Full PDB file with SEQRES, HELIX, SHEET, SSBOND, CRYST1, ORIGX, SCALE, CONECT and MASTER records, all heavy atoms in Angstrom:
SEQRES   1 A   35  ASN ASP LYS THR ILE ASP ILE LEU ILE GLN GLN ALA LEU          
SEQRES   2 A   35  VAL GLN ALA GLU ALA GLY ALA ASP VAL VAL ALA PRO SER          
SEQRES   3 A   35  ASP MET MET ASP GLY ARG ILE GLY GLU                          
HELIX    1 AA1 ASP A    2  ALA A   18  1                                  17    
CRYST1    1.000    1.000    1.000  90.00  90.00  90.00 P 1           1          
ORIGX1      1.000000  0.000000  0.000000        0.00000                         
ORIGX2      0.000000  1.000000  0.000000        0.00000                         
ORIGX3      0.000000  0.000000  1.000000        0.00000                         
SCALE1      1.000000  0.000000  0.000000        0.00000                         
SCALE2      0.000000  1.000000  0.000000        0.00000                         
SCALE3      0.000000  0.000000  1.000000        0.00000                         
ATOM      1  N   ASN A   1      52.633 107.519  61.900  1.00  0.00           N  
ATOM      2  CA  ASN A   1      52.407 106.651  60.747  1.00  0.00           C  
ATOM      3  C   ASN A   1      52.266 105.182  61.147  1.00  0.00           C  
ATOM      4  O   ASN A   1      51.265 104.516  60.832  1.00  0.00           O  
ATOM      5  CB  ASN A   1      53.556 106.811  59.750  1.00  0.00           C  
ATOM      6  CG  ASN A   1      53.274 106.200  58.392  1.00  0.00           C  
ATOM      7  OD1 ASN A   1      52.746 106.863  57.497  1.00  0.00           O  
ATOM      8  ND2 ASN A   1      53.609 104.928  58.201  1.00  0.00           N  
ATOM      9  N   ASP A   2      53.262 104.639  61.841  1.00  0.00           N  
ATOM     10  CA  ASP A   2      53.312 103.194  62.065  1.00  0.00           C  
ATOM     11  C   ASP A   2      52.297 102.726  63.099  1.00  0.00           C  
ATOM     12  O   ASP A   2      51.735 101.629  62.966  1.00  0.00           O  
ATOM     13  CB  ASP A   2      54.726 102.774  62.455  1.00  0.00           C  
ATOM     14  CG  ASP A   2      55.725 103.024  61.319  1.00  0.00           C  
ATOM     15  OD1 ASP A   2      55.291 103.502  60.254  1.00  0.00           O  
ATOM     16  OD2 ASP A   2      56.920 102.755  61.500  1.00  0.00           O  
ATOM     17  N   LYS A   3      52.050 103.534  64.134  1.00  0.00           N  
ATOM     18  CA  LYS A   3      51.006 103.165  65.098  1.00  0.00           C  
ATOM     19  C   LYS A   3      49.632 103.174  64.422  1.00  0.00           C  
ATOM     20  O   LYS A   3      48.767 102.354  64.745  1.00  0.00           O  
ATOM     21  CB  LYS A   3      51.026 104.127  66.295  1.00  0.00           C  
ATOM     22  CG  LYS A   3      52.220 103.958  67.214  1.00  0.00           C  
ATOM     23  CD  LYS A   3      52.119 104.876  68.413  1.00  0.00           C  
ATOM     24  CE  LYS A   3      53.346 104.756  69.304  1.00  0.00           C  
ATOM     25  NZ  LYS A   3      53.489 103.425  69.913  1.00  0.00           N  
ATOM     26  N   THR A   4      49.450 104.096  63.488  1.00  0.00           N  
ATOM     27  CA  THR A   4      48.193 104.133  62.741  1.00  0.00           C  
ATOM     28  C   THR A   4      48.032 102.875  61.896  1.00  0.00           C  
ATOM     29  O   THR A   4      46.949 102.284  61.835  1.00  0.00           O  
ATOM     30  CB  THR A   4      48.144 105.386  61.853  1.00  0.00           C  
ATOM     31  OG1 THR A   4      48.170 106.556  62.672  1.00  0.00           O  
ATOM     32  CG2 THR A   4      46.880 105.399  61.006  1.00  0.00           C  
ATOM     33  N   ILE A   5      49.115 102.451  61.243  1.00  0.00           N  
ATOM     34  CA  ILE A   5      49.039 101.248  60.415  1.00  0.00           C  
ATOM     35  C   ILE A   5      48.607 100.042  61.231  1.00  0.00           C  
ATOM     36  O   ILE A   5      47.817  99.209  60.769  1.00  0.00           O  
ATOM     37  CB  ILE A   5      50.391 100.977  59.713  1.00  0.00           C  
ATOM     38  CG1 ILE A   5      50.633 102.022  58.626  1.00  0.00           C  
ATOM     39  CG2 ILE A   5      50.408  99.581  59.087  1.00  0.00           C  
ATOM     40  CD1 ILE A   5      51.968 101.886  57.924  1.00  0.00           C  
ATOM     41  N   ASP A   6      49.082  99.945  62.457  1.00  0.00           N  
ATOM     42  CA  ASP A   6      48.722  98.797  63.305  1.00  0.00           C  
ATOM     43  C   ASP A   6      47.209  98.671  63.459  1.00  0.00           C  
ATOM     44  O   ASP A   6      46.653  97.577  63.372  1.00  0.00           O  
ATOM     45  CB  ASP A   6      49.376  98.935  64.686  1.00  0.00           C  
ATOM     46  CG  ASP A   6      50.887  98.727  64.642  1.00  0.00           C  
ATOM     47  OD1 ASP A   6      51.374  98.145  63.654  1.00  0.00           O  
ATOM     48  OD2 ASP A   6      51.569  99.163  65.589  1.00  0.00           O  
ATOM     49  N   ILE A   7      46.537  99.799  63.658  1.00  0.00           N  
ATOM     50  CA  ILE A   7      45.081  99.735  63.840  1.00  0.00           C  
ATOM     51  C   ILE A   7      44.362  99.643  62.495  1.00  0.00           C  
ATOM     52  O   ILE A   7      43.292  99.013  62.385  1.00  0.00           O  
ATOM     53  CB  ILE A   7      44.557 100.924  64.683  1.00  0.00           C  
ATOM     54  CG1 ILE A   7      43.111 100.668  65.126  1.00  0.00           C  
ATOM     55  CG2 ILE A   7      44.665 102.233  63.960  1.00  0.00           C  
ATOM     56  CD1 ILE A   7      42.629 101.603  66.203  1.00  0.00           C  
ATOM     57  N   LEU A   8      44.949 100.202  61.438  1.00  0.00           N  
ATOM     58  CA  LEU A   8      44.346 100.060  60.106  1.00  0.00           C  
ATOM     59  C   LEU A   8      44.307  98.597  59.678  1.00  0.00           C  
ATOM     60  O   LEU A   8      43.345  98.151  59.043  1.00  0.00           O  
ATOM     61  CB  LEU A   8      45.126 100.874  59.075  1.00  0.00           C  
ATOM     62  CG  LEU A   8      45.081 102.398  59.202  1.00  0.00           C  
ATOM     63  CD1 LEU A   8      45.991 103.038  58.154  1.00  0.00           C  
ATOM     64  CD2 LEU A   8      43.661 102.944  59.079  1.00  0.00           C  
ATOM     65  N   ILE A   9      45.349  97.838  60.015  1.00  0.00           N  
ATOM     66  CA  ILE A   9      45.364  96.408  59.699  1.00  0.00           C  
ATOM     67  C   ILE A   9      44.191  95.718  60.388  1.00  0.00           C  
ATOM     68  O   ILE A   9      43.449  94.943  59.764  1.00  0.00           O  
ATOM     69  CB  ILE A   9      46.696  95.771  60.144  1.00  0.00           C  
ATOM     70  CG1 ILE A   9      47.861  96.302  59.315  1.00  0.00           C  
ATOM     71  CG2 ILE A   9      46.625  94.248  60.030  1.00  0.00           C  
ATOM     72  CD1 ILE A   9      49.224  95.931  59.880  1.00  0.00           C  
ATOM     73  N   GLN A  10      44.005  95.997  61.665  1.00  0.00           N  
ATOM     74  CA  GLN A  10      42.902  95.384  62.405  1.00  0.00           C  
ATOM     75  C   GLN A  10      41.555  95.803  61.822  1.00  0.00           C  
ATOM     76  O   GLN A  10      40.642  94.981  61.695  1.00  0.00           O  
ATOM     77  CB  GLN A  10      42.978  95.781  63.872  1.00  0.00           C  
ATOM     78  CG  GLN A  10      44.245  95.335  64.587  1.00  0.00           C  
ATOM     79  CD  GLN A  10      44.275  95.847  66.013  1.00  0.00           C  
ATOM     80  OE1 GLN A  10      43.426  95.507  66.842  1.00  0.00           O  
ATOM     81  NE2 GLN A  10      45.259  96.691  66.312  1.00  0.00           N  
ATOM     82  N   GLN A  11      41.442  97.072  61.467  1.00  0.00           N  
ATOM     83  CA  GLN A  11      40.196  97.571  60.876  1.00  0.00           C  
ATOM     84  C   GLN A  11      39.888  96.857  59.567  1.00  0.00           C  
ATOM     85  O   GLN A  11      38.753  96.424  59.328  1.00  0.00           O  
ATOM     86  CB  GLN A  11      40.310  99.080  60.648  1.00  0.00           C  
ATOM     87  CG  GLN A  11      39.043  99.723  60.095  1.00  0.00           C  
ATOM     88  CD  GLN A  11      39.230 101.205  59.783  1.00  0.00           C  
ATOM     89  OE1 GLN A  11      40.343 101.662  59.522  1.00  0.00           O  
ATOM     90  NE2 GLN A  11      38.141 101.961  59.809  1.00  0.00           N  
ATOM     91  N   ALA A  12      40.889  96.726  58.706  1.00  0.00           N  
ATOM     92  CA  ALA A  12      40.688  96.065  57.411  1.00  0.00           C  
ATOM     93  C   ALA A  12      40.298  94.604  57.592  1.00  0.00           C  
ATOM     94  O   ALA A  12      39.440  94.082  56.863  1.00  0.00           O  
ATOM     95  CB  ALA A  12      41.955  96.178  56.562  1.00  0.00           C  
ATOM     96  N   LEU A  13      40.902  93.927  58.554  1.00  0.00           N  
ATOM     97  CA  LEU A  13      40.554  92.531  58.813  1.00  0.00           C  
ATOM     98  C   LEU A  13      39.114  92.390  59.291  1.00  0.00           C  
ATOM     99  O   LEU A  13      38.377  91.495  58.857  1.00  0.00           O  
ATOM    100  CB  LEU A  13      41.518  91.932  59.847  1.00  0.00           C  
ATOM    101  CG  LEU A  13      42.935  91.643  59.351  1.00  0.00           C  
ATOM    102  CD1 LEU A  13      43.851  91.325  60.525  1.00  0.00           C  
ATOM    103  CD2 LEU A  13      42.939  90.489  58.346  1.00  0.00           C  
ATOM    104  N   VAL A  14      38.687  93.273  60.181  1.00  0.00           N  
ATOM    105  CA  VAL A  14      37.305  93.254  60.669  1.00  0.00           C  
ATOM    106  C   VAL A  14      36.338  93.439  59.505  1.00  0.00           C  
ATOM    107  O   VAL A  14      35.337  92.726  59.378  1.00  0.00           O  
ATOM    108  CB  VAL A  14      37.094  94.340  61.744  1.00  0.00           C  
ATOM    109  CG1 VAL A  14      35.600  94.586  62.000  1.00  0.00           C  
ATOM    110  CG2 VAL A  14      37.778  93.951  63.046  1.00  0.00           C  
ATOM    111  N   GLN A  15      36.628  94.395  58.636  1.00  0.00           N  
ATOM    112  CA  GLN A  15      35.747  94.676  57.506  1.00  0.00           C  
ATOM    113  C   GLN A  15      35.692  93.492  56.543  1.00  0.00           C  
ATOM    114  O   GLN A  15      34.614  93.078  56.092  1.00  0.00           O  
ATOM    115  CB  GLN A  15      36.236  95.924  56.775  1.00  0.00           C  
ATOM    116  CG  GLN A  15      36.143  97.202  57.591  1.00  0.00           C  
ATOM    117  CD  GLN A  15      36.844  98.358  56.915  1.00  0.00           C  
ATOM    118  OE1 GLN A  15      37.505  98.200  55.897  1.00  0.00           O  
ATOM    119  NE2 GLN A  15      36.701  99.543  57.485  1.00  0.00           N  
ATOM    120  N   ALA A  16      36.855  92.948  56.215  1.00  0.00           N  
ATOM    121  CA  ALA A  16      36.908  91.836  55.262  1.00  0.00           C  
ATOM    122  C   ALA A  16      36.179  90.617  55.801  1.00  0.00           C  
ATOM    123  O   ALA A  16      35.450  89.937  55.067  1.00  0.00           O  
ATOM    124  CB  ALA A  16      38.368  91.494  54.952  1.00  0.00           C  
ATOM    125  N   GLU A  17      36.360  90.338  57.079  1.00  0.00           N  
ATOM    126  CA  GLU A  17      35.716  89.156  57.663  1.00  0.00           C  
ATOM    127  C   GLU A  17      34.226  89.370  57.877  1.00  0.00           C  
ATOM    128  O   GLU A  17      33.475  88.400  58.017  1.00  0.00           O  
ATOM    129  CB  GLU A  17      36.434  88.781  58.952  1.00  0.00           C  
ATOM    130  CG  GLU A  17      37.851  88.251  58.667  1.00  0.00           C  
ATOM    131  CD  GLU A  17      38.657  87.955  59.918  1.00  0.00           C  
ATOM    132  OE1 GLU A  17      38.291  88.467  61.004  1.00  0.00           O  
ATOM    133  OE2 GLU A  17      39.657  87.221  59.809  1.00  0.00           O  
ATOM    134  N   ALA A  18      33.781  90.642  57.864  1.00  0.00           N  
ATOM    135  CA  ALA A  18      32.350  90.934  57.967  1.00  0.00           C  
ATOM    136  C   ALA A  18      31.655  90.879  56.610  1.00  0.00           C  
ATOM    137  O   ALA A  18      30.431  90.968  56.544  1.00  0.00           O  
ATOM    138  CB  ALA A  18      32.138  92.305  58.604  1.00  0.00           C  
ATOM    139  N   GLY A  19      32.443  90.752  55.532  1.00  0.00           N  
ATOM    140  CA  GLY A  19      31.824  90.616  54.220  1.00  0.00           C  
ATOM    141  C   GLY A  19      32.231  91.626  53.179  1.00  0.00           C  
ATOM    142  O   GLY A  19      31.800  91.528  52.024  1.00  0.00           O  
ATOM    143  N   ALA A  20      33.070  92.607  53.544  1.00  0.00           N  
ATOM    144  CA  ALA A  20      33.518  93.568  52.535  1.00  0.00           C  
ATOM    145  C   ALA A  20      34.291  92.844  51.439  1.00  0.00           C  
ATOM    146  O   ALA A  20      35.151  92.017  51.719  1.00  0.00           O  
ATOM    147  CB  ALA A  20      34.395  94.635  53.180  1.00  0.00           C  
ATOM    148  N   ASP A  21      33.970  93.148  50.197  1.00  0.00           N  
ATOM    149  CA  ASP A  21      34.691  92.572  49.064  1.00  0.00           C  
ATOM    150  C   ASP A  21      35.986  93.322  48.798  1.00  0.00           C  
ATOM    151  O   ASP A  21      36.974  92.739  48.349  1.00  0.00           O  
ATOM    152  CB  ASP A  21      33.827  92.622  47.803  1.00  0.00           C  
ATOM    153  CG  ASP A  21      32.522  91.885  47.978  1.00  0.00           C  
ATOM    154  OD1 ASP A  21      32.549  90.652  48.040  1.00  0.00           O  
ATOM    155  OD2 ASP A  21      31.471  92.563  48.060  1.00  0.00           O  
ATOM    156  N   VAL A  22      35.943  94.633  49.052  1.00  0.00           N  
ATOM    157  CA  VAL A  22      37.077  95.514  48.777  1.00  0.00           C  
ATOM    158  C   VAL A  22      37.315  96.385  49.994  1.00  0.00           C  
ATOM    159  O   VAL A  22      36.373  96.988  50.514  1.00  0.00           O  
ATOM    160  CB  VAL A  22      36.798  96.432  47.561  1.00  0.00           C  
ATOM    161  CG1 VAL A  22      38.026  97.264  47.203  1.00  0.00           C  
ATOM    162  CG2 VAL A  22      36.311  95.639  46.367  1.00  0.00           C  
ATOM    163  N   VAL A  23      38.550  96.469  50.450  1.00  0.00           N  
ATOM    164  CA  VAL A  23      38.891  97.473  51.456  1.00  0.00           C  
ATOM    165  C   VAL A  23      39.599  98.606  50.734  1.00  0.00           C  
ATOM    166  O   VAL A  23      40.386  98.384  49.815  1.00  0.00           O  
ATOM    167  CB  VAL A  23      39.754  96.907  52.599  1.00  0.00           C  
ATOM    168  CG1 VAL A  23      38.992  95.837  53.363  1.00  0.00           C  
ATOM    169  CG2 VAL A  23      41.091  96.380  52.114  1.00  0.00           C  
ATOM    170  N   ALA A  24      39.280  99.825  51.153  1.00  0.00           N  
ATOM    171  CA  ALA A  24      39.778 101.004  50.442  1.00  0.00           C  
ATOM    172  C   ALA A  24      40.475 101.936  51.425  1.00  0.00           C  
ATOM    173  O   ALA A  24      39.837 102.834  51.988  1.00  0.00           O  
ATOM    174  CB  ALA A  24      38.626 101.721  49.740  1.00  0.00           C  
ATOM    175  N   PRO A  25      41.767 101.732  51.663  1.00  0.00           N  
ATOM    176  CA  PRO A  25      42.494 102.608  52.583  1.00  0.00           C  
ATOM    177  C   PRO A  25      42.576 104.032  52.045  1.00  0.00           C  
ATOM    178  O   PRO A  25      43.137 104.275  50.977  1.00  0.00           O  
ATOM    179  CB  PRO A  25      43.879 101.961  52.671  1.00  0.00           C  
ATOM    180  CG  PRO A  25      43.666 100.540  52.253  1.00  0.00           C  
ATOM    181  CD  PRO A  25      42.603 100.608  51.206  1.00  0.00           C  
ATOM    182  N   SER A  26      41.998 104.971  52.790  1.00  0.00           N  
ATOM    183  CA  SER A  26      41.965 106.365  52.346  1.00  0.00           C  
ATOM    184  C   SER A  26      42.809 107.265  53.234  1.00  0.00           C  
ATOM    185  O   SER A  26      42.767 108.482  53.114  1.00  0.00           O  
ATOM    186  CB  SER A  26      40.517 106.876  52.332  1.00  0.00           C  
ATOM    187  OG  SER A  26      39.985 106.903  53.644  1.00  0.00           O  
ATOM    188  N   ASP A  27      43.591 106.676  54.112  1.00  0.00           N  
ATOM    189  CA  ASP A  27      44.295 107.395  55.178  1.00  0.00           C  
ATOM    190  C   ASP A  27      45.572 108.075  54.718  1.00  0.00           C  
ATOM    191  O   ASP A  27      46.058 109.003  55.338  1.00  0.00           O  
ATOM    192  CB  ASP A  27      44.652 106.400  56.268  1.00  0.00           C  
ATOM    193  CG  ASP A  27      45.479 105.255  55.699  1.00  0.00           C  
ATOM    194  OD1 ASP A  27      44.917 104.391  54.992  1.00  0.00           O  
ATOM    195  OD2 ASP A  27      46.694 105.234  55.923  1.00  0.00           O  
ATOM    196  N   MET A  28      46.205 107.547  53.654  1.00  0.00           N  
ATOM    197  CA  MET A  28      47.458 108.058  53.092  1.00  0.00           C  
ATOM    198  C   MET A  28      48.663 107.886  54.018  1.00  0.00           C  
ATOM    199  O   MET A  28      49.645 108.630  53.924  1.00  0.00           O  
ATOM    200  CB  MET A  28      47.318 109.528  52.664  1.00  0.00           C  
ATOM    201  CG  MET A  28      46.425 109.732  51.448  1.00  0.00           C  
ATOM    202  SD  MET A  28      47.017 108.892  49.942  1.00  0.00           S  
ATOM    203  CE  MET A  28      48.444 109.877  49.529  1.00  0.00           C  
ATOM    204  N   MET A  29      48.626 106.875  54.896  1.00  0.00           N  
ATOM    205  CA  MET A  29      49.827 106.530  55.647  1.00  0.00           C  
ATOM    206  C   MET A  29      50.796 105.782  54.731  1.00  0.00           C  
ATOM    207  O   MET A  29      50.374 104.990  53.881  1.00  0.00           O  
ATOM    208  CB  MET A  29      49.491 105.649  56.849  1.00  0.00           C  
ATOM    209  CG  MET A  29      48.586 106.286  57.890  1.00  0.00           C  
ATOM    210  SD  MET A  29      49.265 107.766  58.655  1.00  0.00           S  
ATOM    211  CE  MET A  29      48.064 108.991  58.120  1.00  0.00           C  
ATOM    212  N   ASP A  30      52.082 105.991  54.911  1.00  0.00           N  
ATOM    213  CA  ASP A  30      53.089 105.291  54.116  1.00  0.00           C  
ATOM    214  C   ASP A  30      53.147 103.818  54.514  1.00  0.00           C  
ATOM    215  O   ASP A  30      53.244 103.488  55.696  1.00  0.00           O  
ATOM    216  CB  ASP A  30      54.478 105.910  54.335  1.00  0.00           C  
ATOM    217  CG  ASP A  30      54.574 107.328  53.814  1.00  0.00           C  
ATOM    218  OD1 ASP A  30      53.812 107.680  52.900  1.00  0.00           O  
ATOM    219  OD2 ASP A  30      55.423 108.087  54.330  1.00  0.00           O  
ATOM    220  N   GLY A  31      53.079 102.941  53.519  1.00  0.00           N  
ATOM    221  CA  GLY A  31      53.283 101.518  53.755  1.00  0.00           C  
ATOM    222  C   GLY A  31      52.066 100.735  54.181  1.00  0.00           C  
ATOM    223  O   GLY A  31      52.148  99.516  54.373  1.00  0.00           O  
ATOM    224  N   ARG A  32      50.911 101.368  54.273  1.00  0.00           N  
ATOM    225  CA  ARG A  32      49.761 100.634  54.828  1.00  0.00           C  
ATOM    226  C   ARG A  32      49.230  99.580  53.873  1.00  0.00           C  
ATOM    227  O   ARG A  32      48.713  98.552  54.302  1.00  0.00           O  
ATOM    228  CB  ARG A  32      48.664 101.586  55.283  1.00  0.00           C  
ATOM    229  CG  ARG A  32      47.642 102.028  54.208  1.00  0.00           C  
ATOM    230  CD  ARG A  32      48.136 103.153  53.374  1.00  0.00           C  
ATOM    231  NE  ARG A  32      47.015 103.864  52.745  1.00  0.00           N  
ATOM    232  CZ  ARG A  32      47.077 104.397  51.543  1.00  0.00           C  
ATOM    233  NH1 ARG A  32      48.181 104.297  50.823  1.00  0.00           N  
ATOM    234  NH2 ARG A  32      46.042 105.038  51.046  1.00  0.00           N  
ATOM    235  N   ILE A  33      49.371  99.767  52.558  1.00  0.00           N  
ATOM    236  CA  ILE A  33      48.861  98.779  51.608  1.00  0.00           C  
ATOM    237  C   ILE A  33      49.596  97.457  51.777  1.00  0.00           C  
ATOM    238  O   ILE A  33      48.979  96.383  51.859  1.00  0.00           O  
ATOM    239  CB  ILE A  33      48.992  99.287  50.160  1.00  0.00           C  
ATOM    240  CG1 ILE A  33      48.208 100.585  49.967  1.00  0.00           C  
ATOM    241  CG2 ILE A  33      48.508  98.216  49.183  1.00  0.00           C  
ATOM    242  CD1 ILE A  33      46.722 100.478  50.220  1.00  0.00           C  
ATOM    243  N   GLY A  34      50.907  97.521  51.838  1.00  0.00           N  
ATOM    244  CA  GLY A  34      51.690  96.298  51.981  1.00  0.00           C  
ATOM    245  C   GLY A  34      51.393  95.557  53.271  1.00  0.00           C  
ATOM    246  O   GLY A  34      51.307  94.311  53.284  1.00  0.00           O  
ATOM    247  N   GLU A  35      51.217  96.281  54.351  1.00  0.00           N  
ATOM    248  CA  GLU A  35      50.959  95.633  55.644  1.00  0.00           C  
ATOM    249  C   GLU A  35      49.563  95.006  55.675  1.00  0.00           C  
ATOM    250  O   GLU A  35      49.371  93.919  56.226  1.00  0.00           O  
ATOM    251  CB  GLU A  35      51.133  96.637  56.781  1.00  0.00           C  
ATOM    252  CG  GLU A  35      52.558  97.149  56.956  1.00  0.00           C  
ATOM    253  CD  GLU A  35      53.550  96.008  57.149  1.00  0.00           C  
ATOM    254  OE1 GLU A  35      53.282  95.113  57.973  1.00  0.00           O  
ATOM    255  OE2 GLU A  35      54.593  96.008  56.463  1.00  0.00           O  
TER     256      GLU A  35                                                      
MASTER        0    0    0    1    0    0    0    6  255    1    0    3          
END                                                                             
């Protein structure tokens, strides 16, 4: 769970900075929205 969240954070940042208006976490890891 937690190692996955670490890379999901980086992924979301890359997407947002590339122009995504909305990031949509579909992974179902616990706690990833808050992080």
